[in-house]
C-alpha cells in the first residue's frame, strides 16, 4: 500500500491534476481510496454500527454529499423558511451527526497512540484561531482524517493506494489563518503528522492562482481577499516544502494545460 497526498496553495489546480491521476490509476483496476472513502468502506468492518449510523454512511457515500453539506451549512443566504426545506435540512443534520459519531469512535482509537499529535493540534486551534466556525470546521476535518488513518492501519492489506488532495500535509495551511506563531505551529504539526509515501506538489504561477480565485467569486470555495494573502500562502508553501523535503518524496507538477508528459513521469515513479 502507498499513500499519495497532493499539496499546493489554494487555487493551484490540485483537484484538476488529482482527477487526471486518478483516471490513470483506475485504468489498471487498482484498489484506490481517499481518506474519506476509507471510512465508507471499512467502518462497518471495524465497528458494529447502529441502523442510523449505517444508513448515514451509505447516504454520504452514495450521494457524495460530505463537501456539499459543509458548504450548505456555511451559506449565508440559505432560506429555510419553507417547511419542506426545514424538514430536509433537519434530516441532513441527523445523518451528518451520526456520520460524525462514527468518525469520533475511530478518532479516539487513533488518539490512544498519537496523544501528543492530537492534543497539540487541538490546543493550537483553540488558542490561535479566533473565528468559532473556523475552529469547528478544522476540528471536524481533523477528527475525520485521523479516523481514516486508524482504519487504514487496520485494513492496509485491502488497499493499493490512498490518494487524496486534502491530506495531512495540505492541511498545514490551516495555520495560515492564525494571527501569530504560524511558523512554530507548522513546524510542530509536521514533526508529528503521519507522513505519506509521496507528495505531489502542484505549482502554478501567481497570475494563474489569482485568476482561478476570481472564478470562485460566487461559490463557497476558498478565495483570496487580496494580493497580500496570495503572497502569504506562497511563502507558507515554501516553508512547508522545506520541512517535509527530508521526510518523504516530493514530486513536483507544473500545472499547465496538457502537461501529460510530467504526469506520466509522476505516475511511473509512484508505480515502481
C-alpha atoms as a PDB file:
ATOM      1  CA  UNK A   1       0.000   0.000   0.000  1.00  0.00           C
ATOM      2  CA  UNK A   2       1.168   3.516  -0.817  1.00  0.00           C
ATOM      3  CA  UNK A   3      -0.149   6.867   0.370  1.00  0.00           C
ATOM      4  CA  UNK A   4      -0.049   9.841  -2.004  1.00  0.00           C
ATOM      5  CA  UNK A   5      -1.090  13.323  -0.938  1.00  0.00           C
ATOM      6  CA  UNK A   6      -1.470  16.386  -3.134  1.00  0.00           C
ATOM      7  CA  UNK A   7      -0.078  19.654  -1.851  1.00  0.00           C
ATOM      8  CA  UNK A   8      -0.238  23.227  -3.123  1.00  0.00           C
ATOM      9  CA  UNK A   9      -1.630  26.660  -2.354  1.00  0.00           C
ATOM     10  CA  UNK A  10      -5.393  27.098  -2.784  1.00  0.00           C
ATOM     11  CA  UNK A  11      -6.292  27.648  -6.465  1.00  0.00           C
ATOM     12  CA  UNK A  12      -3.111  25.955  -7.718  1.00  0.00           C
ATOM     13  CA  UNK A  13      -5.210  23.364  -9.552  1.00  0.00           C
ATOM     14  CA  UNK A  14      -4.844  20.343  -7.254  1.00  0.00           C
ATOM     15  CA  UNK A  15      -8.286  18.910  -7.981  1.00  0.00           C
ATOM     16  CA  UNK A  16      -7.749  19.060 -11.750  1.00  0.00           C
ATOM     17  CA  UNK A  17      -4.445  17.169 -11.578  1.00  0.00           C
ATOM     18  CA  UNK A  18      -5.816  14.807  -8.935  1.00  0.00           C
ATOM     19  CA  UNK A  19      -8.625  13.752 -11.280  1.00  0.00           C
ATOM     20  CA  UNK A  20      -6.160  13.184 -14.125  1.00  0.00           C
ATOM     21  CA  UNK A  21      -4.018  10.923 -11.953  1.00  0.00           C
ATOM     22  CA  UNK A  22      -6.989   9.013 -10.538  1.00  0.00           C
ATOM     23  CA  UNK A  23      -8.144   8.257 -14.085  1.00  0.00           C
ATOM     24  CA  UNK A  24      -4.740   6.760 -14.905  1.00  0.00           C
ATOM     25  CA  UNK A  25      -4.780   4.526 -11.830  1.00  0.00           C
ATOM     26  CA  UNK A  26      -8.364   3.437 -12.416  1.00  0.00           C
ATOM     27  CA  UNK A  27      -7.451   2.153 -15.879  1.00  0.00           C
ATOM     28  CA  UNK A  28      -5.423  -0.584 -14.173  1.00  0.00           C
ATOM     29  CA  UNK A  29      -8.205  -1.526 -11.733  1.00  0.00           C
ATOM     30  CA  UNK A  30      -6.242  -0.610  -8.609  1.00  0.00           C
ATOM     31  CA  UNK A  31      -7.954  -0.514  -5.224  1.00  0.00           C
ATOM     32  CA  UNK A  32      -7.811   3.246  -4.639  1.00  0.00           C
ATOM     33  CA  UNK A  33      -9.319   5.207  -1.771  1.00  0.00           C
ATOM     34  CA  UNK A  34      -9.360   8.726  -0.414  1.00  0.00           C
ATOM     35  CA  UNK A  35      -9.196   9.226   3.355  1.00  0.00           C
ATOM     36  CA  UNK A  36     -12.939   9.788   3.359  1.00  0.00           C
ATOM     37  CA  UNK A  37     -13.830   6.760   1.258  1.00  0.00           C
ATOM     38  CA  UNK A  38     -11.804   4.562   3.641  1.00  0.00           C
ATOM     39  CA  UNK A  39     -14.392   5.418   6.297  1.00  0.00           C
ATOM     40  CA  UNK A  40     -17.266   4.475   3.979  1.00  0.00           C
ATOM     41  CA  UNK A  41     -15.590   1.204   3.021  1.00  0.00           C
ATOM     42  CA  UNK A  42     -14.183  -0.100   6.297  1.00  0.00           C
ATOM     43  CA  UNK A  43     -16.157   1.452   9.174  1.00  0.00           C
ATOM     44  CA  UNK A  44     -18.722  -1.341   9.261  1.00  0.00           C
ATOM     45  CA  UNK A  45     -15.969  -3.955   9.245  1.00  0.00           C
ATOM     46  CA  UNK A  46     -14.326  -2.437  12.325  1.00  0.00           C
ATOM     47  CA  UNK A  47     -17.358  -1.286  14.354  1.00  0.00           C
ATOM     48  CA  UNK A  48     -20.829  -2.595  14.996  1.00  0.00           C
ATOM     49  CA  UNK A  49     -22.911   0.211  13.543  1.00  0.00           C
ATOM     50  CA  UNK A  50     -26.409   1.180  14.554  1.00  0.00           C
ATOM     51  CA  UNK A  51     -29.027   1.210  11.804  1.00  0.00           C
ATOM     52  CA  UNK A  52     -28.925   5.002  11.725  1.00  0.00           C
ATOM     53  CA  UNK A  53     -25.111   5.091  11.591  1.00  0.00           C
ATOM     54  CA  UNK A  54     -25.061   2.561   8.765  1.00  0.00           C
ATOM     55  CA  UNK A  55     -27.740   4.484   6.867  1.00  0.00           C
ATOM     56  CA  UNK A  56     -25.841   7.741   7.358  1.00  0.00           C
ATOM     57  CA  UNK A  57     -22.626   6.286   5.941  1.00  0.00           C
ATOM     58  CA  UNK A  58     -24.469   4.893   2.923  1.00  0.00           C
ATOM     59  CA  UNK A  59     -26.200   8.226   2.428  1.00  0.00           C
ATOM     60  CA  UNK A  60     -22.965  10.192   2.208  1.00  0.00           C
ATOM     61  CA  UNK A  61     -21.226   7.514   0.188  1.00  0.00           C
ATOM     62  CA  UNK A  62     -23.908   7.252  -2.485  1.00  0.00           C
ATOM     63  CA  UNK A  63     -24.603  10.948  -2.837  1.00  0.00           C
ATOM     64  CA  UNK A  64     -21.064  12.155  -2.172  1.00  0.00           C
ATOM     65  CA  UNK A  65     -22.513  14.984  -0.137  1.00  0.00           C
ATOM     66  CA  UNK A  66     -19.826  15.457   2.507  1.00  0.00           C
ATOM     67  CA  UNK A  67     -18.369  18.602   0.953  1.00  0.00           C
ATOM     68  CA  UNK A  68     -21.747  19.862  -0.162  1.00  0.00           C
ATOM     69  CA  UNK A  69     -23.086  19.535   3.367  1.00  0.00           C
ATOM     70  CA  UNK A  70     -20.320  21.664   4.849  1.00  0.00           C
ATOM     71  CA  UNK A  71     -20.887  24.275   2.135  1.00  0.00           C
ATOM     72  CA  UNK A  72     -24.627  24.317   2.667  1.00  0.00           C
ATOM     73  CA  UNK A  73     -24.187  24.918   6.374  1.00  0.00           C
ATOM     74  CA  UNK A  74     -21.978  27.909   5.602  1.00  0.00           C
ATOM     75  CA  UNK A  75     -24.210  29.624   3.039  1.00  0.00           C
ATOM     76  CA  UNK A  76     -25.351  32.940   4.434  1.00  0.00           C
ATOM     77  CA  UNK A  77     -28.273  33.402   2.072  1.00  0.00           C
ATOM     78  CA  UNK A  78     -29.866  29.990   2.647  1.00  0.00           C
ATOM     79  CA  UNK A  79     -33.613  30.250   3.064  1.00  0.00           C
ATOM     80  CA  UNK A  80     -35.143  27.624   5.331  1.00  0.00           C
ATOM     81  CA  UNK A  81     -38.497  29.288   5.919  1.00  0.00           C
ATOM     82  CA  UNK A  82     -40.221  26.756   3.739  1.00  0.00           C
ATOM     83  CA  UNK A  83     -41.330  23.820   5.927  1.00  0.00           C
ATOM     84  CA  UNK A  84     -40.225  21.230   3.381  1.00  0.00           C
ATOM     85  CA  UNK A  85     -36.713  22.672   3.208  1.00  0.00           C
ATOM     86  CA  UNK A  86     -36.573  22.827   7.002  1.00  0.00           C
ATOM     87  CA  UNK A  87     -37.507  19.159   7.191  1.00  0.00           C
ATOM     88  CA  UNK A  88     -34.848  18.100   4.650  1.00  0.00           C
ATOM     89  CA  UNK A  89     -32.214  20.220   6.337  1.00  0.00           C
ATOM     90  CA  UNK A  90     -33.054  18.650   9.678  1.00  0.00           C
ATOM     91  CA  UNK A  91     -32.784  15.125   8.240  1.00  0.00           C
ATOM     92  CA  UNK A  92     -29.431  16.006   6.734  1.00  0.00           C
ATOM     93  CA  UNK A  93     -28.255  17.258  10.131  1.00  0.00           C
ATOM     94  CA  UNK A  94     -29.207  13.943  11.742  1.00  0.00           C
ATOM     95  CA  UNK A  95     -27.321  11.944   9.105  1.00  0.00           C
ATOM     96  CA  UNK A  96     -24.267  14.150   9.442  1.00  0.00           C
ATOM     97  CA  UNK A  97     -24.341  13.911  13.250  1.00  0.00           C
ATOM     98  CA  UNK A  98     -24.335  10.113  13.039  1.00  0.00           C
ATOM     99  CA  UNK A  99     -21.526  10.193  10.482  1.00  0.00           C
ATOM    100  CA  UNK A 100     -19.538  12.337  12.935  1.00  0.00           C
ATOM    101  CA  UNK A 101     -20.203   9.860  15.740  1.00  0.00           C
ATOM    102  CA  UNK A 102     -18.679   7.056  13.671  1.00  0.00           C
ATOM    103  CA  UNK A 103     -15.636   9.217  12.938  1.00  0.00           C
ATOM    104  CA  UNK A 104     -15.230  10.118  16.631  1.00  0.00           C
ATOM    105  CA  UNK A 105     -15.260   6.423  17.567  1.00  0.00           C
ATOM    106  CA  UNK A 106     -12.247   5.689  15.317  1.00  0.00           C
ATOM    107  CA  UNK A 107     -10.630   9.047  16.107  1.00  0.00           C
ATOM    108  CA  UNK A 108     -10.477   8.086  19.779  1.00  0.00           C
ATOM    109  CA  UNK A 109      -8.704   4.853  18.852  1.00  0.00           C
ATOM    110  CA  UNK A 110      -6.203   6.809  16.747  1.00  0.00           C
ATOM    111  CA  UNK A 111      -5.673   9.234  19.620  1.00  0.00           C
ATOM    112  CA  UNK A 112      -4.567   6.467  22.018  1.00  0.00           C
ATOM    113  CA  UNK A 113      -1.333   6.016  20.052  1.00  0.00           C
ATOM    114  CA  UNK A 114      -0.967   9.631  18.915  1.00  0.00           C
ATOM    115  CA  UNK A 115      -1.849  11.652  22.015  1.00  0.00           C
ATOM    116  CA  UNK A 116       0.770  14.371  21.622  1.00  0.00           C
ATOM    117  CA  UNK A 117      -0.018  14.977  17.953  1.00  0.00           C
ATOM    118  CA  UNK A 118      -3.772  15.150  18.604  1.00  0.00           C
ATOM    119  CA  UNK A 119      -3.573  17.252  21.775  1.00  0.00           C
ATOM    120  CA  UNK A 120      -1.068  19.710  20.275  1.00  0.00           C
ATOM    121  CA  UNK A 121      -3.217  20.265  17.177  1.00  0.00           C
ATOM    122  CA  UNK A 122      -6.468  20.770  19.089  1.00  0.00           C
ATOM    123  CA  UNK A 123      -4.796  23.024  21.647  1.00  0.00           C
ATOM    124  CA  UNK A 124      -3.287  25.132  18.879  1.00  0.00           C
ATOM    125  CA  UNK A 125      -6.670  25.508  17.168  1.00  0.00           C
ATOM    126  CA  UNK A 126      -8.312  26.617  20.406  1.00  0.00           C
ATOM    127  CA  UNK A 127      -5.580  29.096  21.320  1.00  0.00           C
ATOM    128  CA  UNK A 128      -4.702  30.648  17.962  1.00  0.00           C
ATOM    129  CA  UNK A 129      -7.852  30.672  15.845  1.00  0.00           C
ATOM    130  CA  UNK A 130     -10.389  33.360  16.690  1.00  0.00           C
ATOM    131  CA  UNK A 131     -13.319  32.504  14.451  1.00  0.00           C
ATOM    132  CA  UNK A 132     -15.705  29.976  16.003  1.00  0.00           C
ATOM    133  CA  UNK A 133     -16.748  28.458  12.663  1.00  0.00           C
ATOM    134  CA  UNK A 134     -13.127  28.038  11.560  1.00  0.00           C
ATOM    135  CA  UNK A 135     -12.362  26.148  14.766  1.00  0.00           C
ATOM    136  CA  UNK A 136     -15.337  23.851  14.266  1.00  0.00           C
ATOM    137  CA  UNK A 137     -14.532  23.150  10.615  1.00  0.00           C
ATOM    138  CA  UNK A 138     -10.864  22.382  11.268  1.00  0.00           C
ATOM    139  CA  UNK A 139     -11.676  20.141  14.226  1.00  0.00           C
ATOM    140  CA  UNK A 140     -14.258  18.202  12.202  1.00  0.00           C
ATOM    141  CA  UNK A 141     -11.750  17.700   9.395  1.00  0.00           C
ATOM    142  CA  UNK A 142      -9.068  16.587  11.853  1.00  0.00           C
ATOM    143  CA  UNK A 143     -11.350  14.040  13.520  1.00  0.00           C
ATOM    144  CA  UNK A 144     -12.346  12.636  10.136  1.00  0.00           C
ATOM    145  CA  UNK A 145      -8.851  12.241   8.703  1.00  0.00           C
ATOM    146  CA  UNK A 146      -7.455  10.749  11.933  1.00  0.00           C
ATOM    147  CA  UNK A 147     -10.333   8.250  11.957  1.00  0.00           C
ATOM    148  CA  UNK A 148      -9.459   7.325   8.379  1.00  0.00           C
ATOM    149  CA  UNK A 149      -5.808   6.897   9.298  1.00  0.00           C
ATOM    150  CA  UNK A 150      -6.749   4.433  12.028  1.00  0.00           C
ATOM    151  CA  UNK A 151      -8.895   2.419   9.602  1.00  0.00           C
ATOM    152  CA  UNK A 152      -6.058   2.376   7.070  1.00  0.00           C
ATOM    153  CA  UNK A 153      -3.744   0.858   9.673  1.00  0.00           C
ATOM    154  CA  UNK A 154      -6.261  -1.927  10.268  1.00  0.00           C
ATOM    155  CA  UNK A 155      -7.127  -2.644   6.625  1.00  0.00           C
ATOM    156  CA  UNK A 156      -3.973  -1.819   4.650  1.00  0.00           C
ATOM    157  CA  UNK A 157      -3.829  -5.282   3.031  1.00  0.00           C
ATOM    158  CA  UNK A 158      -7.071  -4.477   1.189  1.00  0.00           C
ATOM    159  CA  UNK A 159      -5.790  -1.140  -0.133  1.00  0.00           C
ATOM    160  CA  UNK A 160      -3.428  -0.473  -3.053  1.00  0.00           C
ATOM    161  CA  UNK A 161      -3.314   3.324  -2.861  1.00  0.00           C
ATOM    162  CA  UNK A 162      -4.585   6.169  -0.723  1.00  0.00           C
ATOM    163  CA  UNK A 163      -4.681   9.236  -2.985  1.00  0.00           C
ATOM    164  CA  UNK A 164      -6.066  12.465  -1.546  1.00  0.00           C
ATOM    165  CA  UNK A 165      -5.931  16.176  -2.360  1.00  0.00           C
ATOM    166  CA  UNK A 166      -6.837  17.213   1.215  1.00  0.00           C
ATOM    167  CA  UNK A 167      -4.426  15.176   3.334  1.00  0.00           C
ATOM    168  CA  UNK A 168      -2.354  15.875   6.428  1.00  0.00           C
ATOM    169  CA  UNK A 169       0.315  17.894   4.578  1.00  0.00           C
ATOM    170  CA  UNK A 170      -2.170  20.082   2.705  1.00  0.00           C
ATOM    171  CA  UNK A 171      -3.869  20.902   5.974  1.00  0.00           C
ATOM    172  CA  UNK A 172      -0.682  22.574   7.163  1.00  0.00           C
ATOM    173  CA  UNK A 173      -2.257  25.628   5.527  1.00  0.00           C
ATOM    174  CA  UNK A 174      -4.730  25.591   8.432  1.00  0.00           C
ATOM    175  CA  UNK A 175      -2.159  27.617  10.349  1.00  0.00           C
ATOM    176  CA  UNK A 176      -2.181  30.376   7.744  1.00  0.00           C
ATOM    177  CA  UNK A 177      -5.392  31.606   9.389  1.00  0.00           C
ATOM    178  CA  UNK A 178      -3.616  32.261  12.676  1.00  0.00           C
ATOM    179  CA  UNK A 179      -2.656  35.731  13.763  1.00  0.00           C
ATOM    180  CA  UNK A 180       0.640  34.596  15.306  1.00  0.00           C
ATOM    181  CA  UNK A 181       3.050  31.658  15.730  1.00  0.00           C
ATOM    182  CA  UNK A 182       2.457  30.420  12.177  1.00  0.00           C
ATOM    183  CA  UNK A 183       5.967  29.022  11.611  1.00  0.00           C
ATOM    184  CA  UNK A 184       6.129  27.484  15.064  1.00  0.00           C
ATOM    185  CA  UNK A 185       2.753  25.787  14.638  1.00  0.00           C
ATOM    186  CA  UNK A 186       3.629  24.372  11.215  1.00  0.00           C
ATOM    187  CA  UNK A 187       6.962  23.010  12.495  1.00  0.00           C
ATOM    188  CA  UNK A 188       5.314  21.257  15.436  1.00  0.00           C
ATOM    189  CA  UNK A 189       2.459  19.891  13.320  1.00  0.00           C
ATOM    190  CA  UNK A 190       4.628  18.450  10.545  1.00  0.00           C
ATOM    191  CA  UNK A 191       7.040  16.907  13.007  1.00  0.00           C
ATOM    192  CA  UNK A 192       4.287  14.681  14.396  1.00  0.00           C
ATOM    193  CA  UNK A 193       1.836  14.330  11.495  1.00  0.00           C
ATOM    194  CA  UNK A 194       1.625  10.979   9.652  1.00  0.00           C
ATOM    195  CA  UNK A 195       3.846  11.049   6.546  1.00  0.00           C
ATOM    196  CA  UNK A 196       2.673   9.925   3.097  1.00  0.00           C
ATOM    197  CA  UNK A 197       4.939   7.911   0.791  1.00  0.00           C
ATOM    198  CA  UNK A 198       4.688  10.576  -1.905  1.00  0.00           C
ATOM    199  CA  UNK A 199       3.699  14.225  -2.018  1.00  0.00           C
ATOM    200  CA  UNK A 200       2.681  15.704  -5.359  1.00  0.00           C
ATOM    201  CA  UNK A 201       3.354  19.432  -5.125  1.00  0.00           C
ATOM    202  CA  UNK A 202       1.186  21.341  -7.605  1.00  0.00           C
ATOM    203  CA  UNK A 203       2.799  24.538  -8.843  1.00  0.00           C
ATOM    204  CA  UNK A 204       1.108  27.414 -10.669  1.00  0.00           C
ATOM    205  CA  UNK A 205       2.121  30.980 -11.397  1.00  0.00           C
ATOM    206  CA  UNK A 206       0.793  33.724  -9.171  1.00  0.00           C
ATOM    207  CA  UNK A 207      -1.215  35.097 -12.091  1.00  0.00           C
ATOM    208  CA  UNK A 208      -2.921  31.747 -12.690  1.00  0.00           C
ATOM    209  CA  UNK A 209      -3.683  31.351  -8.974  1.00  0.00           C
ATOM    210  CA  UNK A 210      -5.323  34.783  -8.826  1.00  0.00           C
ATOM    211  CA  UNK A 211      -7.373  34.067 -11.970  1.00  0.00           C
ATOM    212  CA  UNK A 212      -8.691  30.797 -10.532  1.00  0.00           C
ATOM    213  CA  UNK A 213      -9.536  32.553  -7.284  1.00  0.00           C
ATOM    214  CA  UNK A 214     -11.613  35.160  -9.128  1.00  0.00           C
ATOM    215  CA  UNK A 215     -13.667  32.398 -10.742  1.00  0.00           C
ATOM    216  CA  UNK A 216     -14.710  31.277  -7.261  1.00  0.00           C
ATOM    217  CA  UNK A 217     -16.412  34.594  -6.548  1.00  0.00           C
ATOM    218  CA  UNK A 218     -19.939  33.178  -6.490  1.00  0.00           C
ATOM    219  CA  UNK A 219     -19.072  29.892  -4.784  1.00  0.00           C
ATOM    220  CA  UNK A 220     -18.372  28.873  -1.189  1.00  0.00           C
ATOM    221  CA  UNK A 221     -14.848  27.659  -2.056  1.00  0.00           C
ATOM    222  CA  UNK A 222     -11.847  29.432  -0.587  1.00  0.00           C
ATOM    223  CA  UNK A 223     -10.781  32.573  -2.459  1.00  0.00           C
ATOM    224  CA  UNK A 224      -8.084  35.120  -1.802  1.00  0.00           C
ATOM    225  CA  UNK A 225      -9.104  38.528  -0.478  1.00  0.00           C
ATOM    226  CA  UNK A 226      -6.105  40.373  -1.857  1.00  0.00           C
ATOM    227  CA  UNK A 227      -2.622  40.107  -3.327  1.00  0.00           C
ATOM    228  CA  UNK A 228      -1.004  40.090   0.123  1.00  0.00           C
ATOM    229  CA  UNK A 229      -2.885  36.934   1.053  1.00  0.00           C
ATOM    230  CA  UNK A 230      -1.652  35.154  -2.101  1.00  0.00           C
ATOM    231  CA  UNK A 231       1.937  36.058  -1.198  1.00  0.00           C
ATOM    232  CA  UNK A 232       1.389  34.781   2.343  1.00  0.00           C
ATOM    233  CA  UNK A 233       0.200  31.368   1.167  1.00  0.00           C
ATOM    234  CA  UNK A 234       3.022  31.044  -1.357  1.00  0.00           C
ATOM    235  CA  UNK A 235       5.556  31.843   1.399  1.00  0.00           C
ATOM    236  CA  UNK A 236       3.980  29.236   3.669  1.00  0.00           C
ATOM    237  CA  UNK A 237       4.115  26.698   0.841  1.00  0.00           C
ATOM    238  CA  UNK A 238       7.896  27.195   0.618  1.00  0.00           C
ATOM    239  CA  UNK A 239       8.203  26.756   4.384  1.00  0.00           C
ATOM    240  CA  UNK A 240       6.180  23.535   4.351  1.00  0.00           C
ATOM    241  CA  UNK A 241       8.246  22.170   1.466  1.00  0.00           C
ATOM    242  CA  UNK A 242      11.464  22.767   3.392  1.00  0.00           C
ATOM    243  CA  UNK A 243      10.111  20.895   6.420  1.00  0.00           C
ATOM    244  CA  UNK A 244       8.915  17.782   4.577  1.00  0.00           C
ATOM    245  CA  UNK A 245      11.683  17.500   1.957  1.00  0.00           C
ATOM    246  CA  UNK A 246      13.846  15.113   4.005  1.00  0.00           C
ATOM    247  CA  UNK A 247      10.939  13.044   5.315  1.00  0.00           C
ATOM    248  CA  UNK A 248       9.075  12.000   2.181  1.00  0.00           C
ATOM    249  CA  UNK A 249       9.456  12.038  -1.601  1.00  0.00           C
ATOM    250  CA  UNK A 250       8.130  15.197  -3.260  1.00  0.00           C
ATOM    251  CA  UNK A 251       7.083  15.043  -6.912  1.00  0.00           C
ATOM    252  CA  UNK A 252       6.545  18.465  -8.484  1.00  0.00           C
ATOM    253  CA  UNK A 253       3.861  19.026 -11.123  1.00  0.00           C
ATOM    254  CA  UNK A 254       3.874  22.285 -13.084  1.00  0.00           C
ATOM    255  CA  UNK A 255       0.186  22.860 -13.697  1.00  0.00           C
ATOM    256  CA  UNK A 256      -0.087  23.741 -17.357  1.00  0.00           C
ATOM    257  CA  UNK A 257      -2.756  22.575 -19.753  1.00  0.00           C
ATOM    258  CA  UNK A 258      -1.943  19.250 -21.438  1.00  0.00           C
ATOM    259  CA  UNK A 259       1.149  18.708 -19.284  1.00  0.00           C
ATOM    260  CA  UNK A 260       0.632  14.960 -19.607  1.00  0.00           C
ATOM    261  CA  UNK A 261       4.323  14.078 -20.029  1.00  0.00           C
ATOM    262  CA  UNK A 262       5.042  15.325 -16.498  1.00  0.00           C
ATOM    263  CA  UNK A 263       2.001  13.419 -15.221  1.00  0.00           C
ATOM    264  CA  UNK A 264       3.217  10.184 -16.831  1.00  0.00           C
ATOM    265  CA  UNK A 265       6.608  10.582 -15.116  1.00  0.00           C
ATOM    266  CA  UNK A 266       4.931  11.044 -11.732  1.00  0.00           C
ATOM    267  CA  UNK A 267       2.673   8.055 -12.365  1.00  0.00           C
ATOM    268  CA  UNK A 268       5.699   5.909 -13.257  1.00  0.00           C
ATOM    269  CA  UNK A 269       7.589   6.862 -10.082  1.00  0.00           C
ATOM    270  CA  UNK A 270       4.630   6.045  -7.865  1.00  0.00           C
ATOM    271  CA  UNK A 271       4.043   2.684  -9.551  1.00  0.00           C
ATOM    272  CA  UNK A 272       7.651   1.470  -9.041  1.00  0.00           C
END
